[in-house]
Amino acid sequence: MAKLDFSKIASNIMLHDKSESEISEYKVFYKKHLRHIEDKRTLLIELNKLFVKFQKLVPKTVFMSNPDRYELENEVETVLRKYFKDEVLELFNKKIPTPNPKQKIDNPENKLWIALIEGFSQSFEVAREQVKQEYLYKTNFLLFLHDCLFHSGLHPNILKRNTNVYSRYNLLLTHDFKSPKMKQVETKTLMGLNQLQNDFLSPYEKKLPTKINGKLIPFKNIIQIKITKTLLKDDEIDLFASKNKFSWTENSKDVRMFVDCCQDVTEELHRNPYLIDSEKEKSINENIYFVDPTRINELKDLRNKDFDLSKLIRLCEELNIASINNNYITSPVLVRAIIDHVPRIFKLKSFSEVANNYSGGTKSFKRSMINLDNSLRNIADNNVHSPIRDKETLPNKTQIDFRQELDVLLSEIKNFEMINKKQQTANTH
């Protein structure tokens, strides 16, 4: 039998306790002092600038009366008074305990003048060291303020938690039980792995009915199962909701958004799903989705402080519904709605500007966008605005097939957003 390494176990426990202490410190401080901040972006920029100035002055802190230091500290106090109550300012100006003297002069004969020099030297060294420690404390406090605000009180160590201990799972089940023409969604959140397996995955894999929220859903009516995972504790979910801009209060919980914002682990836990019936499977094999579902999931994963992508995502989902049902008049109209909806994401006013003036795309991107702006727009207009005739020629799948061009547009939105996010992160740091 292998011997337990108690020293390693003790070390892991200490690391865990330290990590959880930092996580707790973040969320408590954020809830008490930072939650009320409305213009977080402006404050983050100001804190970052002050932190950089503090770092530049570190080598000069040996001079106790450095005027630049006093001027900078006054600048910080002005910012803190603007955004916070006195308690945060008091924390910034917290006094550091006087350090113990390190320097000792050898004085075997106990001469007075040597003792005086020693006393003066030690006093000066202690004062200088205290100034340095206070300055480093204030620098680190500014960094703590910035990072706590940037992460919305959710310390990055949350992602390092032991998954076997902290993992909880959410289920999103889409079905058409008792409503064949309309999909319904049921959700179940914050389950342990055993509950998820026993109550949902095992019955599903055996093609048995699934009981959820008081409903017994027959296997044949289940369209899709999505599983997501979180490492958050209960008192951290409201911060997660605030960060991702959805509601999570006593009276209002946007459960669907919570499930969607957590880490998708469907493929990891549900390796043999029967996600669709044979008719729908045939449709997918024939590749009749207008928008690749993985592209829609990529849009759902994007987080943009300036734009709400929910309407764009919904337009793509409705376009797929129209495509599955061979709605060849509706499909180009929805594509046109999409291209008219997205120009502001690229910081342009119209889709014609995206097609002709967007500087971030390649030549092939420009050709695809011009095709959408001209051919697609004309086909959509013809389907919507043309008056009735003696004999009509209805559009077919080939005529309205702009799937490649639309996918190029959506992929560029993803790339543009990722580049923007990196730039914003670089600017705040």
Protein backbone atom coordinates (compact mmCIF):
# COMPACT_ATOMS: atom_id res chain seq x y z
CA MET A 1 0.00 0.00 0.00
CA ALA A 2 1.45 3.37 -1.02
CA LYS A 3 2.28 5.79 1.77
CA LEU A 4 0.50 9.12 1.86
CA ASP A 5 2.69 12.17 1.37
CA PHE A 6 1.32 14.28 4.24
CA SER A 7 3.68 17.18 3.53
CA LYS A 8 2.36 17.43 -0.01
CA ILE A 9 -1.22 17.18 1.19
CA ALA A 10 -0.61 19.92 3.76
CA SER A 11 1.02 22.09 1.08
CA ASN A 12 -1.98 21.64 -1.24
CA ILE A 13 -4.37 22.53 1.58
CA MET A 14 -2.40 25.71 2.33
CA LEU A 15 -2.40 26.68 -1.36
CA HIS A 16 -6.14 26.00 -1.56
CA ASP A 17 -6.83 28.10 1.56
CA LYS A 18 -4.72 30.98 0.19
CA SER A 19 -6.45 30.81 -3.19
CA GLU A 20 -9.94 30.78 -1.66
CA SER A 21 -8.94 33.64 0.64
CA GLU A 22 -7.94 35.75 -2.38
CA ILE A 23 -11.17 34.84 -4.17
CA SER A 24 -13.22 35.81 -1.11
CA GLU A 25 -11.31 39.07 -0.67
CA TYR A 26 -12.05 40.02 -4.29
CA LYS A 27 -15.78 39.37 -4.21
CA VAL A 28 -16.36 40.93 -0.76
CA PHE A 29 -14.46 44.08 -1.72
CA TYR A 30 -16.23 44.32 -5.08
CA LYS A 31 -19.71 43.93 -3.60
CA LYS A 32 -18.98 46.52 -0.92
CA HIS A 33 -17.08 49.16 -2.89
CA LEU A 34 -17.17 48.57 -6.67
CA ARG A 35 -20.59 47.22 -7.59
CA HIS A 36 -22.11 50.71 -7.78
CA ILE A 37 -19.58 52.00 -10.37
CA GLU A 38 -21.48 52.84 -13.56
CA ASP A 39 -18.70 54.00 -15.87
CA LYS A 40 -16.30 51.14 -15.21
CA ARG A 41 -14.36 51.64 -18.40
CA THR A 42 -13.38 55.22 -17.56
CA LEU A 43 -12.36 54.29 -14.03
CA LEU A 44 -10.26 51.37 -15.29
CA ILE A 45 -8.39 53.71 -17.63
CA GLU A 46 -7.74 56.21 -14.81
CA LEU A 47 -6.55 53.50 -12.39
CA ASN A 48 -4.25 52.02 -15.01
CA LYS A 49 -2.65 55.40 -15.73
CA LEU A 50 -2.09 56.04 -12.02
CA PHE A 51 -0.61 52.57 -11.51
CA VAL A 52 1.86 53.12 -14.38
CA LYS A 53 2.90 56.46 -12.87
CA PHE A 54 3.47 54.81 -9.50
CA GLN A 55 5.64 52.13 -11.08
CA LYS A 56 7.80 54.75 -12.78
CA LEU A 57 8.43 56.49 -9.45
CA VAL A 58 9.48 53.34 -7.57
CA PRO A 59 13.27 53.98 -7.96
CA LYS A 60 12.80 57.51 -6.56
CA THR A 61 11.02 56.46 -3.37
CA VAL A 62 14.34 56.39 -1.50
CA PHE A 63 13.97 60.18 -1.31
CA MET A 64 11.43 60.70 1.43
CA SER A 65 10.46 64.21 0.36
CA ASN A 66 10.16 63.56 -3.36
CA PRO A 67 7.65 66.20 -4.65
CA ASP A 68 6.52 63.99 -7.55
CA ARG A 69 5.37 61.37 -5.08
CA TYR A 70 3.21 63.81 -3.10
CA GLU A 71 1.72 65.22 -6.28
CA LEU A 72 0.89 61.73 -7.54
CA GLU A 73 -0.64 60.66 -4.23
CA ASN A 74 -2.84 63.77 -4.30
CA GLU A 75 -3.92 62.84 -7.83
CA VAL A 76 -4.90 59.36 -6.65
CA GLU A 77 -6.84 60.76 -3.70
CA THR A 78 -8.80 63.02 -6.07
CA VAL A 79 -9.82 60.01 -8.20
CA LEU A 80 -10.72 57.90 -5.16
CA ARG A 81 -12.87 60.68 -3.68
CA LYS A 82 -14.67 60.99 -7.02
CA TYR A 83 -15.70 57.34 -7.21
CA PHE A 84 -15.63 55.95 -3.66
CA LYS A 85 -16.53 56.61 -0.06
CA ASP A 86 -13.95 57.60 2.55
CA GLU A 87 -13.29 53.97 3.53
CA VAL A 88 -11.45 53.23 0.27
CA LEU A 89 -9.37 56.39 0.63
CA GLU A 90 -8.47 55.33 4.18
CA LEU A 91 -7.34 51.96 2.88
CA PHE A 92 -5.13 53.68 0.32
CA ASN A 93 -3.54 55.83 3.06
CA LYS A 94 -3.18 52.94 5.50
CA LYS A 95 -0.09 53.26 7.69
CA ILE A 96 2.52 50.53 7.37
CA PRO A 97 4.02 49.24 10.64
CA THR A 98 7.48 50.62 11.37
CA PRO A 99 10.09 48.10 10.15
CA ASN A 100 12.81 46.81 12.42
CA PRO A 101 16.27 48.39 11.96
CA LYS A 102 18.69 46.22 10.00
CA GLN A 103 21.98 48.13 10.13
CA LYS A 104 24.16 47.75 13.22
CA ILE A 105 27.58 49.39 13.68
CA ASP A 106 30.21 47.47 15.62
CA ASN A 107 30.91 49.42 18.88
CA PRO A 108 32.96 47.17 21.22
CA GLU A 109 34.14 50.09 23.37
CA ASN A 110 30.62 51.52 23.69
CA LYS A 111 31.71 54.98 22.58
CA LEU A 112 29.01 57.68 22.64
CA TRP A 113 29.76 59.20 19.25
CA ILE A 114 29.58 55.77 17.59
CA ALA A 115 26.28 55.11 19.35
CA LEU A 116 24.93 58.47 18.10
CA ILE A 117 25.97 57.68 14.53
CA GLU A 118 24.43 54.24 14.83
CA GLY A 119 21.18 55.66 16.15
CA PHE A 120 20.99 58.30 13.40
CA SER A 121 21.86 55.78 10.70
CA GLN A 122 19.26 53.31 11.90
CA SER A 123 16.56 56.00 12.18
CA PHE A 124 17.25 57.17 8.64
CA GLU A 125 17.26 53.61 7.31
CA VAL A 126 13.99 52.77 9.12
CA ALA A 127 12.29 55.93 7.84
CA ARG A 128 13.46 55.30 4.28
CA GLU A 129 12.35 51.66 4.40
CA GLN A 130 8.93 52.67 5.76
CA VAL A 131 8.44 55.20 2.95
CA LYS A 132 9.38 52.51 0.45
CA GLN A 133 6.98 49.96 1.98
CA GLU A 134 4.12 52.48 2.09
CA TYR A 135 4.74 53.38 -1.53
CA LEU A 136 4.78 49.72 -2.62
CA TYR A 137 1.58 49.13 -0.65
CA LYS A 138 -0.15 52.01 -2.44
CA THR A 139 1.08 50.74 -5.81
CA ASN A 140 -0.26 47.26 -5.09
CA PHE A 141 -3.53 48.69 -3.77
CA LEU A 142 -4.10 50.50 -7.08
CA LEU A 143 -3.38 47.27 -8.94
CA PHE A 144 -5.83 45.42 -6.69
CA LEU A 145 -8.52 48.06 -7.32
CA HIS A 146 -8.00 47.86 -11.08
CA ASP A 147 -7.99 44.07 -11.29
CA CYS A 148 -10.93 43.61 -8.94
CA LEU A 149 -13.00 46.01 -11.05
CA PHE A 150 -11.79 44.53 -14.34
CA HIS A 151 -12.80 41.00 -13.27
CA SER A 152 -16.09 42.18 -11.69
CA GLY A 153 -15.04 40.74 -8.34
CA LEU A 154 -14.39 37.27 -9.77
CA HIS A 155 -10.77 36.39 -9.04
CA PRO A 156 -9.00 34.46 -11.85
CA ASN A 157 -8.18 31.75 -9.30
CA ILE A 158 -11.80 30.60 -9.62
CA LEU A 159 -10.76 28.93 -12.87
CA LYS A 160 -8.05 27.01 -10.98
CA ARG A 161 -10.47 25.44 -8.51
CA ASN A 162 -10.50 21.68 -8.19
CA THR A 163 -13.03 20.58 -10.79
CA ASN A 164 -13.84 17.41 -8.86
CA VAL A 165 -14.90 19.52 -5.88
CA TYR A 166 -16.45 22.65 -7.37
CA SER A 167 -17.93 21.60 -10.75
CA ARG A 168 -21.68 22.01 -11.10
CA TYR A 169 -23.65 21.41 -14.25
CA ASN A 170 -26.53 23.04 -16.09
CA LEU A 171 -28.87 21.45 -18.61
CA LEU A 172 -30.75 23.07 -21.45
CA LEU A 173 -33.23 20.72 -23.10
CA THR A 174 -35.01 21.74 -26.32
CA HIS A 175 -38.17 19.81 -27.24
CA ASP A 176 -41.43 20.06 -29.19
CA PHE A 177 -43.63 18.02 -26.84
CA LYS A 178 -47.30 19.09 -27.23
CA SER A 179 -46.16 21.88 -29.56
CA PRO A 180 -44.82 20.35 -32.80
CA LYS A 181 -44.67 23.73 -34.54
CA MET A 182 -42.85 25.52 -31.73
CA LYS A 183 -39.70 24.59 -29.86
CA GLN A 184 -39.74 24.79 -26.08
CA VAL A 185 -36.78 25.02 -23.75
CA GLU A 186 -36.45 23.55 -20.25
CA THR A 187 -33.53 24.32 -17.95
CA LYS A 188 -32.03 22.78 -14.84
CA THR A 189 -29.09 24.43 -13.10
CA LEU A 190 -26.32 23.80 -10.59
CA MET A 191 -26.47 20.00 -10.45
CA GLY A 192 -23.82 17.60 -9.29
CA LEU A 193 -22.42 15.20 -11.88
CA ASN A 194 -24.27 12.22 -10.38
CA GLN A 195 -27.62 14.00 -10.52
CA LEU A 196 -27.00 15.04 -14.12
CA GLN A 197 -26.05 11.49 -15.10
CA ASN A 198 -28.85 9.69 -13.22
CA ASP A 199 -31.73 12.09 -13.89
CA PHE A 200 -31.01 13.10 -17.47
CA LEU A 201 -28.14 11.54 -19.38
CA SER A 202 -28.83 7.89 -18.56
CA PRO A 203 -32.57 8.02 -19.41
CA TYR A 204 -31.79 9.93 -22.59
CA GLU A 205 -29.16 7.48 -23.79
CA LYS A 206 -31.64 4.63 -23.13
CA LYS A 207 -34.28 6.54 -25.14
CA LEU A 208 -36.50 6.81 -22.06
CA PRO A 209 -38.70 9.81 -21.22
CA THR A 210 -36.92 12.59 -19.36
CA LYS A 211 -38.55 14.25 -16.35
CA ILE A 212 -37.72 17.93 -15.99
CA ASN A 213 -39.55 20.80 -14.29
CA GLY A 214 -42.59 18.62 -13.67
CA LYS A 215 -42.84 17.55 -17.32
CA LEU A 216 -42.22 14.06 -18.67
CA ILE A 217 -40.72 14.62 -22.12
CA PRO A 218 -40.85 11.58 -24.45
CA PHE A 219 -37.54 10.75 -26.09
CA LYS A 220 -38.90 11.29 -29.61
CA ASN A 221 -39.77 14.90 -28.77
CA ILE A 222 -36.31 15.85 -27.53
CA ILE A 223 -34.54 17.93 -30.17
CA GLN A 224 -31.33 18.91 -28.42
CA ILE A 225 -29.51 18.73 -25.10
CA LYS A 226 -26.89 21.27 -24.08
CA ILE A 227 -24.74 20.88 -20.95
CA THR A 228 -22.65 23.64 -19.42
CA LYS A 229 -20.35 23.70 -16.39
CA THR A 230 -19.49 26.29 -13.75
CA LEU A 231 -16.99 26.46 -10.88
CA LEU A 232 -18.81 29.36 -9.21
CA LYS A 233 -20.20 29.32 -5.69
CA ASP A 234 -23.77 30.55 -5.14
CA ASP A 235 -22.67 33.99 -3.89
CA GLU A 236 -20.54 34.51 -7.02
CA ILE A 237 -23.27 33.97 -9.60
CA ASP A 238 -24.71 37.48 -9.23
CA LEU A 239 -21.25 38.91 -10.03
CA PHE A 240 -21.01 36.59 -13.04
CA ALA A 241 -24.44 37.83 -14.13
CA SER A 242 -23.42 41.46 -13.77
CA LYS A 243 -20.26 40.84 -15.77
CA ASN A 244 -22.22 39.16 -18.58
CA LYS A 245 -25.12 41.62 -18.44
CA PHE A 246 -28.03 39.45 -17.37
CA SER A 247 -30.28 39.45 -14.31
CA TRP A 248 -29.71 37.29 -11.23
CA THR A 249 -31.64 38.59 -8.23
CA GLU A 250 -34.12 37.20 -5.71
CA ASN A 251 -37.04 38.15 -7.95
CA SER A 252 -35.54 37.83 -11.41
CA LYS A 253 -33.14 35.14 -12.64
CA ASP A 254 -32.30 34.85 -16.32
CA VAL A 255 -31.56 31.13 -16.15
CA ARG A 256 -31.24 30.71 -19.93
CA MET A 257 -28.50 33.34 -20.12
CA PHE A 258 -26.70 31.80 -17.16
CA VAL A 259 -26.67 28.39 -18.83
CA ASP A 260 -25.47 29.85 -22.13
CA CYS A 261 -22.68 31.91 -20.52
CA CYS A 262 -21.16 28.95 -18.69
CA GLN A 263 -18.61 26.61 -20.29
CA ASP A 264 -20.19 24.28 -22.86
CA VAL A 265 -19.21 20.68 -22.05
CA THR A 266 -21.89 18.87 -24.08
CA GLU A 267 -19.43 16.98 -26.24
CA GLU A 268 -17.33 16.07 -23.23
CA LEU A 269 -20.16 14.49 -21.22
CA HIS A 270 -22.68 13.45 -23.84
CA ARG A 271 -20.74 11.48 -26.42
CA ASN A 272 -23.58 9.40 -27.86
CA PRO A 273 -26.50 11.80 -28.19
CA TYR A 274 -29.63 11.28 -30.29
CA LEU A 275 -30.05 14.97 -30.85
CA ILE A 276 -32.53 14.78 -33.72
CA ASP A 277 -35.00 12.40 -35.27
CA SER A 278 -34.27 10.74 -38.60
CA GLU A 279 -36.05 13.34 -40.73
CA LYS A 280 -34.15 16.22 -39.14
CA GLU A 281 -30.92 14.23 -39.35
CA LYS A 282 -31.50 13.81 -43.06
CA SER A 283 -31.92 17.57 -43.36
CA ILE A 284 -28.63 18.24 -41.60
CA ASN A 285 -26.81 15.66 -43.73
CA GLU A 286 -28.09 17.48 -46.78
CA ASN A 287 -26.50 20.61 -45.31
CA ILE A 288 -29.59 22.80 -45.53
CA TYR A 289 -28.73 25.03 -42.58
CA PHE A 290 -28.18 28.54 -43.92
CA VAL A 291 -25.90 29.43 -40.99
CA ASP A 292 -23.57 26.79 -39.59
CA PRO A 293 -24.71 26.13 -35.96
CA THR A 294 -21.10 26.33 -34.79
CA ARG A 295 -20.93 29.87 -36.17
CA ILE A 296 -24.00 30.81 -34.13
CA ASN A 297 -22.36 29.36 -31.02
CA GLU A 298 -19.27 31.45 -31.70
CA LEU A 299 -21.45 34.59 -31.80
CA LYS A 300 -23.04 33.58 -28.50
CA ASP A 301 -19.59 33.34 -26.92
CA LEU A 302 -18.68 36.89 -27.92
CA ARG A 303 -18.95 39.55 -25.21
CA ASN A 304 -19.26 43.13 -26.41
CA LYS A 305 -19.74 46.07 -24.04
CA ASP A 306 -20.93 48.36 -26.83
CA PHE A 307 -23.32 46.12 -28.79
CA ASP A 308 -25.98 43.56 -27.90
CA LEU A 309 -25.63 40.64 -30.33
CA SER A 310 -28.85 38.89 -29.24
CA LYS A 311 -30.87 40.17 -32.21
CA LEU A 312 -28.17 39.13 -34.69
CA ILE A 313 -28.10 35.65 -33.13
CA ARG A 314 -31.89 35.42 -33.26
CA LEU A 315 -31.93 36.47 -36.93
CA CYS A 316 -29.45 33.69 -37.72
CA GLU A 317 -31.54 31.13 -35.81
CA GLU A 318 -34.73 32.18 -37.61
CA LEU A 319 -32.87 32.06 -40.92
CA ASN A 320 -31.98 28.42 -40.20
CA ILE A 321 -35.62 27.64 -39.37
CA ALA A 322 -36.69 29.20 -42.68
CA SER A 323 -33.95 27.26 -44.50
CA ILE A 324 -34.95 23.90 -42.95
CA ASN A 325 -38.53 24.50 -44.05
CA ASN A 326 -37.52 25.53 -47.59
CA ASN A 327 -38.83 29.07 -47.14
CA TYR A 328 -37.04 30.51 -50.16
CA ILE A 329 -38.88 33.85 -50.05
CA THR A 330 -38.26 34.44 -46.34
CA SER A 331 -34.58 33.42 -46.31
CA PRO A 332 -33.12 36.26 -48.44
CA VAL A 333 -35.25 38.79 -46.54
CA LEU A 334 -33.69 37.61 -43.27
CA VAL A 335 -30.19 37.75 -44.79
CA ARG A 336 -30.89 41.32 -45.86
CA ALA A 337 -32.05 42.12 -42.32
CA ILE A 338 -28.73 40.75 -41.04
CA ILE A 339 -26.54 42.81 -43.39
CA ASP A 340 -28.52 45.96 -42.53
CA HIS A 341 -28.13 45.17 -38.82
CA VAL A 342 -24.34 44.71 -38.50
CA PRO A 343 -22.49 47.74 -39.99
CA ARG A 344 -22.07 49.54 -36.61
CA ILE A 345 -20.09 46.56 -35.32
CA PHE A 346 -17.45 47.50 -37.92
CA LYS A 347 -17.80 51.19 -36.90
CA LEU A 348 -19.48 51.99 -40.24
CA LYS A 349 -22.93 53.39 -41.02
CA SER A 350 -24.18 51.20 -43.87
CA PHE A 351 -23.50 47.80 -45.36
CA SER A 352 -22.39 49.44 -48.61
CA GLU A 353 -19.56 51.00 -46.58
CA VAL A 354 -18.70 47.56 -45.17
CA ALA A 355 -18.59 46.12 -48.70
CA ASN A 356 -16.53 48.93 -50.17
CA ASN A 357 -14.63 50.71 -47.38
CA TYR A 358 -13.94 48.20 -44.60
CA SER A 359 -10.17 48.10 -44.25
CA GLY A 360 -9.83 44.97 -42.13
CA GLY A 361 -10.92 42.41 -44.71
CA THR A 362 -9.20 40.66 -47.60
CA LYS A 363 -9.99 41.03 -51.30
CA SER A 364 -12.11 37.87 -51.18
CA PHE A 365 -14.00 39.35 -48.21
CA LYS A 366 -14.72 42.48 -50.24
CA ARG A 367 -15.98 40.43 -53.22
CA SER A 368 -18.29 38.41 -50.97
CA MET A 369 -19.68 41.56 -49.32
CA ILE A 370 -20.28 43.28 -52.65
CA ASN A 371 -22.20 40.18 -53.78
CA LEU A 372 -24.36 40.39 -50.65
CA ASP A 373 -24.87 44.11 -51.06
CA ASN A 374 -25.89 43.84 -54.72
CA SER A 375 -27.22 40.41 -55.73
CA LEU A 376 -28.72 39.41 -52.38
CA ARG A 377 -30.33 42.81 -51.85
CA ASN A 378 -31.92 42.75 -55.34
CA ILE A 379 -33.29 39.22 -54.87
CA ALA A 380 -34.75 40.13 -51.46
CA ASP A 381 -36.32 43.32 -52.88
CA ASN A 382 -37.80 41.42 -55.79
CA ASN A 383 -39.37 38.84 -53.47
CA VAL A 384 -40.85 41.46 -51.14
CA HIS A 385 -41.75 44.43 -53.31
CA SER A 386 -42.77 42.99 -56.70
CA PRO A 387 -46.53 43.28 -57.50
CA ILE A 388 -48.58 40.22 -58.38
CA ARG A 389 -48.26 38.96 -61.98
CA ASP A 390 -50.23 36.67 -64.29
CA LYS A 391 -47.59 34.00 -63.90
CA GLU A 392 -45.05 33.81 -61.07
CA THR A 393 -41.65 32.14 -61.00
CA LEU A 394 -40.86 31.26 -57.40
CA PRO A 395 -37.26 31.39 -56.09
CA ASN A 396 -35.45 28.12 -55.54
CA LYS A 397 -32.59 26.99 -53.30
CA THR A 398 -29.92 27.80 -55.87
CA GLN A 399 -31.15 31.36 -56.41
CA ILE A 400 -31.05 32.33 -52.74
CA ASP A 401 -27.89 30.44 -51.76
CA PHE A 402 -25.69 33.09 -50.14
CA ARG A 403 -24.49 30.81 -47.35
CA GLN A 404 -20.78 31.20 -48.11
CA GLU A 405 -20.93 34.99 -48.30
CA LEU A 406 -22.92 35.22 -45.06
CA ASP A 407 -20.51 32.87 -43.29
CA VAL A 408 -17.59 35.05 -44.40
CA LEU A 409 -19.37 38.08 -42.88
CA LEU A 410 -20.13 36.34 -39.57
CA SER A 411 -16.59 34.98 -39.26
CA GLU A 412 -15.22 38.50 -39.81
CA ILE A 413 -17.49 39.79 -37.02
CA LYS A 414 -15.93 37.21 -34.72
CA ASN A 415 -12.38 38.15 -35.79
CA PHE A 416 -13.10 41.88 -35.50
CA GLU A 417 -14.53 41.46 -32.01
CA MET A 418 -11.57 39.37 -30.83
CA ILE A 419 -9.08 41.95 -32.14
CA ASN A 420 -11.09 44.74 -30.49
CA LYS A 421 -11.13 42.87 -27.17
CA LYS A 422 -7.34 42.36 -27.27
CA GLN A 423 -6.83 46.05 -27.99
CA GLN A 424 -9.13 47.08 -25.13
CA THR A 425 -7.33 44.73 -22.76
CA ALA A 426 -3.97 46.12 -23.86
CA ASN A 427 -5.22 49.68 -23.35
CA THR A 428 -6.48 48.98 -19.83
CA HIS A 429 -3.13 47.42 -18.89
